[in-house]
PDB file of N, CA and C in Angstrom:
ATOM      1  N   MET A   1     180.108  46.476 156.074  1.00  0.00           N
ATOM      2  CA  MET A   1     178.725  46.440 156.515  1.00  0.00           C
ATOM      3  C   MET A   1     178.467  45.147 157.289  1.00  0.00           C
ATOM      4  N   THR A   2     177.660  45.267 158.288  1.00  0.00           N
ATOM      5  CA  THR A   2     177.327  44.064 159.038  1.00  0.00           C
ATOM      6  C   THR A   2     176.186  43.336 158.358  1.00  0.00           C
ATOM      7  N   HIS A   3     175.972  42.132 158.761  1.00  0.00           N
ATOM      8  CA  HIS A   3     174.914  41.317 158.167  1.00  0.00           C
ATOM      9  C   HIS A   3     173.526  41.891 158.441  1.00  0.00           C
ATOM     10  N   LYS A   4     173.347  42.500 159.611  1.00  0.00           N
ATOM     11  CA  LYS A   4     172.041  43.077 159.935  1.00  0.00           C
ATOM     12  C   LYS A   4     171.725  44.261 159.029  1.00  0.00           C
ATOM     13  N   VAL A   5     172.705  45.087 158.746  1.00  0.00           N
ATOM     14  CA  VAL A   5     172.483  46.250 157.884  1.00  0.00           C
ATOM     15  C   VAL A   5     172.171  45.792 156.473  1.00  0.00           C
ATOM     16  N   ILE A   6     172.889  44.810 155.970  1.00  0.00           N
ATOM     17  CA  ILE A   6     172.624  44.284 154.629  1.00  0.00           C
ATOM     18  C   ILE A   6     171.220  43.705 154.562  1.00  0.00           C
ATOM     19  N   THR A   7     170.813  42.988 155.601  1.00  0.00           N
ATOM     20  CA  THR A   7     169.488  42.387 155.636  1.00  0.00           C
ATOM     21  C   THR A   7     168.409  43.462 155.617  1.00  0.00           C
ATOM     22  N   PHE A   8     168.546  44.465 156.450  1.00  0.00           N
ATOM     23  CA  PHE A   8     167.507  45.493 156.540  1.00  0.00           C
ATOM     24  C   PHE A   8     167.479  46.410 155.326  1.00  0.00           C
ATOM     25  N   GLU A   9     168.598  46.615 154.652  1.00  0.00           N
ATOM     26  CA  GLU A   9     168.623  47.537 153.520  1.00  0.00           C
ATOM     27  C   GLU A   9     168.280  46.879 152.192  1.00  0.00           C
ATOM     28  N   PHE A  10     168.533  45.587 152.047  1.00  0.00           N
ATOM     29  CA  PHE A  10     168.348  44.947 150.745  1.00  0.00           C
ATOM     30  C   PHE A  10     167.347  43.789 150.760  1.00  0.00           C
ATOM     31  N   VAL A  11     167.492  42.884 151.685  1.00  0.00           N
ATOM     32  CA  VAL A  11     166.679  41.671 151.672  1.00  0.00           C
ATOM     33  C   VAL A  11     165.236  41.964 152.060  1.00  0.00           C
ATOM     34  N   VAL A  12     165.030  42.688 153.122  1.00  0.00           N
ATOM     35  CA  VAL A  12     163.678  42.959 153.608  1.00  0.00           C
ATOM     36  C   VAL A  12     162.866  43.765 152.591  1.00  0.00           C
ATOM     37  N   PRO A  13     163.383  44.865 152.022  1.00  0.00           N
ATOM     38  CA  PRO A  13     162.588  45.575 151.017  1.00  0.00           C
ATOM     39  C   PRO A  13     162.306  44.737 149.771  1.00  0.00           C
ATOM     40  N   THR A  14     163.248  43.901 149.372  1.00  0.00           N
ATOM     41  CA  THR A  14     163.035  43.050 148.203  1.00  0.00           C
ATOM     42  C   THR A  14     161.936  42.035 148.461  1.00  0.00           C
ATOM     43  N   VAL A  15     161.944  41.422 149.618  1.00  0.00           N
ATOM     44  CA  VAL A  15     160.906  40.451 149.967  1.00  0.00           C
ATOM     45  C   VAL A  15     159.555  41.136 150.084  1.00  0.00           C
ATOM     46  N   LEU A  16     159.512  42.299 150.697  1.00  0.00           N
ATOM     47  CA  LEU A  16     158.248  43.022 150.821  1.00  0.00           C
ATOM     48  C   LEU A  16     157.701  43.431 149.456  1.00  0.00           C
ATOM     49  N   ALA A  17     158.569  43.862 148.541  1.00  0.00           N
ATOM     50  CA  ALA A  17     158.115  44.234 147.203  1.00  0.00           C
ATOM     51  C   ALA A  17     157.574  43.029 146.448  1.00  0.00           C
ATOM     52  N   ALA A  18     158.235  41.883 146.581  1.00  0.00           N
ATOM     53  CA  ALA A  18     157.761  40.671 145.909  1.00  0.00           C
ATOM     54  C   ALA A  18     156.406  40.234 146.466  1.00  0.00           C
ATOM     55  N   VAL A  19     156.259  40.251 147.767  1.00  0.00           N
ATOM     56  CA  VAL A  19     154.990  39.861 148.395  1.00  0.00           C
ATOM     57  C   VAL A  19     153.886  40.835 147.998  1.00  0.00           C
ATOM     58  N   LEU A  20     154.186  42.121 147.979  1.00  0.00           N
ATOM     59  CA  LEU A  20     153.187  43.113 147.585  1.00  0.00           C
ATOM     60  C   LEU A  20     152.751  42.913 146.130  1.00  0.00           C
ATOM     61  N   GLY A  21     153.700  42.613 145.255  1.00  0.00           N
ATOM     62  CA  GLY A  21     153.358  42.349 143.858  1.00  0.00           C
ATOM     63  C   GLY A  21     152.464  41.139 143.700  1.00  0.00           C
ATOM     64  N   ILE A  22     152.758  40.086 144.430  1.00  0.00           N
ATOM     65  CA  ILE A  22     151.942  38.870 144.352  1.00  0.00           C
ATOM     66  C   ILE A  22     150.537  39.128 144.890  1.00  0.00           C
ATOM     67  N   VAL A  23     150.449  39.821 146.011  1.00  0.00           N
ATOM     68  CA  VAL A  23     149.143  40.109 146.615  1.00  0.00           C
ATOM     69  C   VAL A  23     148.303  40.985 145.690  1.00  0.00           C
ATOM     70  N   LEU A  24     148.920  42.001 145.093  1.00  0.00           N
ATOM     71  CA  LEU A  24     148.176  42.870 144.181  1.00  0.00           C
ATOM     72  C   LEU A  24     147.728  42.117 142.935  1.00  0.00           C
ATOM     73  N   SER A  25     148.544  41.215 142.435  1.00  0.00           N
ATOM     74  CA  SER A  25     148.169  40.438 141.254  1.00  0.00           C
ATOM     75  C   SER A  25     146.985  39.524 141.554  1.00  0.00           C
ATOM     76  N   ILE A  26     147.060  38.826 142.671  1.00  0.00           N
ATOM     77  CA  ILE A  26     145.965  37.934 143.052  1.00  0.00           C
ATOM     78  C   ILE A  26     144.691  38.740 143.307  1.00  0.00           C
ATOM     79  N   GLY A  27     144.829  39.890 143.964  1.00  0.00           N
ATOM     80  CA  GLY A  27     143.668  40.737 144.224  1.00  0.00           C
ATOM     81  C   GLY A  27     143.038  41.261 142.945  1.00  0.00           C
ATOM     82  N   ALA A  28     143.862  41.631 141.965  1.00  0.00           N
ATOM     83  CA  ALA A  28     143.321  42.132 140.704  1.00  0.00           C
ATOM     84  C   ALA A  28     142.561  41.044 139.965  1.00  0.00           C
ATOM     85  N   VAL A  29     143.091  39.828 139.951  1.00  0.00           N
ATOM     86  CA  VAL A  29     142.397  38.726 139.284  1.00  0.00           C
ATOM     87  C   VAL A  29     141.097  38.406 140.008  1.00  0.00           C
ATOM     88  N   HIS A  30     141.135  38.401 141.324  1.00  0.00           N
ATOM     89  CA  HIS A  30     139.927  38.104 142.099  1.00  0.00           C
ATOM     90  C   HIS A  30     138.846  39.156 141.853  1.00  0.00           C
ATOM     91  N   LEU A  31     139.217  40.432 141.912  1.00  0.00           N
ATOM     92  CA  LEU A  31     138.226  41.486 141.714  1.00  0.00           C
ATOM     93  C   LEU A  31     137.692  41.492 140.288  1.00  0.00           C
ATOM     94  N   THR A  32     138.548  41.210 139.320  1.00  0.00           N
ATOM     95  CA  THR A  32     138.096  41.151 137.926  1.00  0.00           C
ATOM     96  C   THR A  32     137.086  40.032 137.738  1.00  0.00           C
ATOM     97  N   ASN A  33     137.368  38.863 138.288  1.00  0.00           N
ATOM     98  CA  ASN A  33     136.430  37.748 138.170  1.00  0.00           C
ATOM     99  C   ASN A  33     135.151  38.002 138.950  1.00  0.00           C
ATOM    100  N   HIS A  34     135.251  38.698 140.064  1.00  0.00           N
ATOM    101  CA  HIS A  34     134.070  38.935 140.904  1.00  0.00           C
ATOM    102  C   HIS A  34     133.125  39.965 140.275  1.00  0.00           C
ATOM    103  N   TYR A  35     133.672  41.062 139.779  1.00  0.00           N
ATOM    104  CA  TYR A  35     132.821  42.140 139.284  1.00  0.00           C
ATOM    105  C   TYR A  35     132.539  42.060 137.791  1.00  0.00           C
ATOM    106  N   LEU A  36     133.455  41.520 137.005  1.00  0.00           N
ATOM    107  CA  LEU A  36     133.247  41.455 135.562  1.00  0.00           C
ATOM    108  C   LEU A  36     132.839  40.072 135.087  1.00  0.00           C
ATOM    109  N   GLY A  37     132.978  39.083 135.923  1.00  0.00           N
ATOM    110  CA  GLY A  37     132.665  37.713 135.544  1.00  0.00           C
ATOM    111  C   GLY A  37     133.811  37.098 134.771  1.00  0.00           C
ATOM    112  N   PRO A  38     133.810  35.784 134.667  1.00  0.00           N
ATOM    113  CA  PRO A  38     134.891  35.118 133.937  1.00  0.00           C
ATOM    114  C   PRO A  38     134.808  35.422 132.447  1.00  0.00           C
ATOM    115  N   VAL A  39     135.961  35.529 131.813  1.00  0.00           N
ATOM    116  CA  VAL A  39     136.021  35.784 130.379  1.00  0.00           C
ATOM    117  C   VAL A  39     135.942  34.448 129.663  1.00  0.00           C
ATOM    118  N   ASP A  40     134.939  34.313 128.781  1.00  0.00           N
ATOM    119  CA  ASP A  40     134.818  33.082 128.009  1.00  0.00           C
ATOM    120  C   ASP A  40     135.880  33.052 126.923  1.00  0.00           C
ATOM    121  N   GLN A  41     136.227  31.860 126.502  1.00  0.00           N
ATOM    122  CA  GLN A  41     137.222  31.720 125.447  1.00  0.00           C
ATOM    123  C   GLN A  41     136.726  32.347 124.143  1.00  0.00           C
ATOM    124  N   LEU A  42     135.423  32.254 123.876  1.00  0.00           N
ATOM    125  CA  LEU A  42     134.864  32.833 122.659  1.00  0.00           C
ATOM    126  C   LEU A  42     134.974  34.356 122.680  1.00  0.00           C
ATOM    127  N   GLU A  43     134.770  34.971 123.855  1.00  0.00           N
ATOM    128  CA  GLU A  43     134.904  36.421 123.962  1.00  0.00           C
ATOM    129  C   GLU A  43     136.352  36.851 123.794  1.00  0.00           C
ATOM    130  N   ALA A  44     137.272  36.067 124.295  1.00  0.00           N
ATOM    131  CA  ALA A  44     138.677  36.431 124.214  1.00  0.00           C
ATOM    132  C   ALA A  44     139.171  36.406 122.777  1.00  0.00           C
ATOM    133  N   ASN A  45     138.670  35.484 121.962  1.00  0.00           N
ATOM    134  CA  ASN A  45     139.122  35.370 120.587  1.00  0.00           C
ATOM    135  C   ASN A  45     138.259  36.167 119.622  1.00  0.00           C
ATOM    136  N   GLY A  46     137.121  36.647 120.034  1.00  0.00           N
ATOM    137  CA  GLY A  46     136.190  37.344 119.151  1.00  0.00           C
ATOM    138  C   GLY A  46     135.266  36.336 118.514  1.00  0.00           C
ATOM    139  N   SER A  47     134.024  36.704 118.381  1.00  0.00           N
ATOM    140  CA  SER A  47     133.072  35.755 117.802  1.00  0.00           C
ATOM    141  C   SER A  47     133.191  35.746 116.287  1.00  0.00           C
ATOM    142  N   GLU A  48     132.891  34.625 115.697  1.00  0.00           N
ATOM    143  CA  GLU A  48     132.998  34.480 114.243  1.00  0.00           C
ATOM    144  C   GLU A  48     131.889  35.231 113.529  1.00  0.00           C
ATOM    145  N   ALA A  49     130.679  35.215 114.070  1.00  0.00           N
ATOM    146  CA  ALA A  49     129.558  35.826 113.383  1.00  0.00           C
ATOM    147  C   ALA A  49     129.531  37.347 113.571  1.00  0.00           C
ATOM    148  N   GLY A  50     129.851  37.826 114.767  1.00  0.00           N
ATOM    149  CA  GLY A  50     129.703  39.245 115.042  1.00  0.00           C
ATOM    150  C   GLY A  50     130.958  40.068 114.860  1.00  0.00           C
ATOM    151  N   GLY A  51     132.096  39.434 114.756  1.00  0.00           N
ATOM    152  CA  GLY A  51     133.346  40.174 114.668  1.00  0.00           C
ATOM    153  C   GLY A  51     133.706  40.525 113.236  1.00  0.00           C
ATOM    154  N   VAL A  52     134.467  41.591 113.101  1.00  0.00           N
ATOM    155  CA  VAL A  52     134.958  41.979 111.766  1.00  0.00           C
ATOM    156  C   VAL A  52     136.280  41.258 111.561  1.00  0.00           C
ATOM    157  N   THR A  53     136.311  40.360 110.583  1.00  0.00           N
ATOM    158  CA  THR A  53     137.511  39.572 110.372  1.00  0.00           C
ATOM    159  C   THR A  53     138.312  40.045 109.168  1.00  0.00           C
ATOM    160  N   ASP A  54     137.671  40.718 108.219  1.00  0.00           N
ATOM    161  CA  ASP A  54     138.355  41.151 107.011  1.00  0.00           C
ATOM    162  C   ASP A  54     138.279  42.673 106.936  1.00  0.00           C
ATOM    163  N   LEU A  55     139.410  43.339 107.019  1.00  0.00           N
ATOM    164  CA  LEU A  55     139.422  44.798 107.026  1.00  0.00           C
ATOM    165  C   LEU A  55     139.854  45.415 105.710  1.00  0.00           C
ATOM    166  N   ARG A  56     139.801  44.645 104.628  1.00  0.00           N
ATOM    167  CA  ARG A  56     140.239  45.189 103.324  1.00  0.00           C
ATOM    168  C   ARG A  56     139.248  46.121 102.736  1.00  0.00           C
TER     169      ARG A  56
END
């Protein structure tokens, strides 16, 4: 195989997939923060007063 064929068959699709993954990840975080607002640390861990902590 020549170097051009190897580049077009393996390197270019791999780079495009990596770039697409990064762009989609950044876009998902941006849209989540824009439409849902930032997640507070208290919401992420559950509130002490309103959450069910003991399930016995």
